[in-house]
């Protein structure tokens, strides 16, 4: 599931400056509620794969 979220993240980041959980919902293959996507994004952020841009300001990929 995390791989699909990261792949959707890469596709969305090409056209958007910031990515929000509701944007990812439409890109993944199976339906997930927005809260589940939020939890997965926070988990990826804690592991250092995403950069969080503050409260409700979206995420970007960590390209280090």
Protein backbone atom coordinates (compact mmCIF):
# COMPACT_ATOMS: atom_id res chain seq x y z
CA UNK A 1 0.00 0.00 0.00
CA UNK A 2 2.81 2.41 0.84
CA UNK A 3 4.43 1.81 -2.53
CA UNK A 4 1.21 2.77 -4.30
CA UNK A 5 0.93 5.90 -2.16
CA UNK A 6 4.50 6.90 -3.02
CA UNK A 7 3.93 6.24 -6.72
CA UNK A 8 0.76 8.36 -6.64
CA UNK A 9 2.75 11.00 -4.78
CA UNK A 10 5.37 11.11 -7.55
CA UNK A 11 2.72 11.52 -10.23
CA UNK A 12 0.87 14.24 -8.35
CA UNK A 13 3.99 16.15 -7.47
CA UNK A 14 4.75 16.69 -11.15
CA UNK A 15 1.77 19.01 -11.50
CA UNK A 16 1.13 20.18 -7.93
CA UNK A 17 3.41 22.05 -5.55
CA UNK A 18 1.93 20.32 -2.50
CA UNK A 19 0.11 17.02 -2.18
CA UNK A 20 -2.82 16.46 0.19
CA UNK A 21 -4.40 13.15 1.31
CA UNK A 22 -7.62 13.74 -0.64
CA UNK A 23 -5.56 14.00 -3.84
CA UNK A 24 -4.00 10.59 -3.24
CA UNK A 25 -7.39 8.96 -2.66
CA UNK A 26 -8.28 9.26 -6.34
CA UNK A 27 -4.92 7.90 -7.53
CA UNK A 28 -4.71 4.57 -5.68
CA UNK A 29 -6.35 1.37 -6.95
CA UNK A 30 -8.59 0.57 -3.99
CA UNK A 31 -10.79 2.85 -1.89
CA UNK A 32 -9.41 4.09 1.41
CA UNK A 33 -10.88 6.68 3.72
CA UNK A 34 -9.02 9.97 3.99
CA UNK A 35 -8.04 9.31 7.61
CA UNK A 36 -6.25 6.09 6.64
CA UNK A 37 -4.33 7.93 3.93
CA UNK A 38 -3.45 10.63 6.49
CA UNK A 39 -2.10 8.00 8.89
CA UNK A 40 0.02 6.45 6.15
CA UNK A 41 1.41 9.85 5.17
CA UNK A 42 2.29 10.64 8.80
CA UNK A 43 4.02 7.25 9.05
CA UNK A 44 6.03 7.97 5.88
CA UNK A 45 6.88 11.43 7.25
CA UNK A 46 8.14 9.96 10.54
CA UNK A 47 10.35 7.53 8.60
CA UNK A 48 11.85 10.39 6.60
CA UNK A 49 10.38 9.65 3.18
CA UNK A 50 8.19 12.78 3.10
CA UNK A 51 8.56 16.36 4.24
CA UNK A 52 5.60 17.86 6.05
CA UNK A 53 4.96 21.51 5.28
CA UNK A 54 3.21 22.37 8.53
CA UNK A 55 -0.31 21.86 9.79
CA UNK A 56 -2.67 21.37 6.82
CA UNK A 57 -0.15 22.61 4.29
CA UNK A 58 0.51 19.31 2.57
CA UNK A 59 3.55 17.12 1.94
CA UNK A 60 6.39 16.91 -0.54
CA UNK A 61 8.84 14.08 -1.27
CA UNK A 62 12.18 14.04 0.56
CA UNK A 63 14.78 14.03 -2.21
CA UNK A 64 17.98 13.53 -0.25
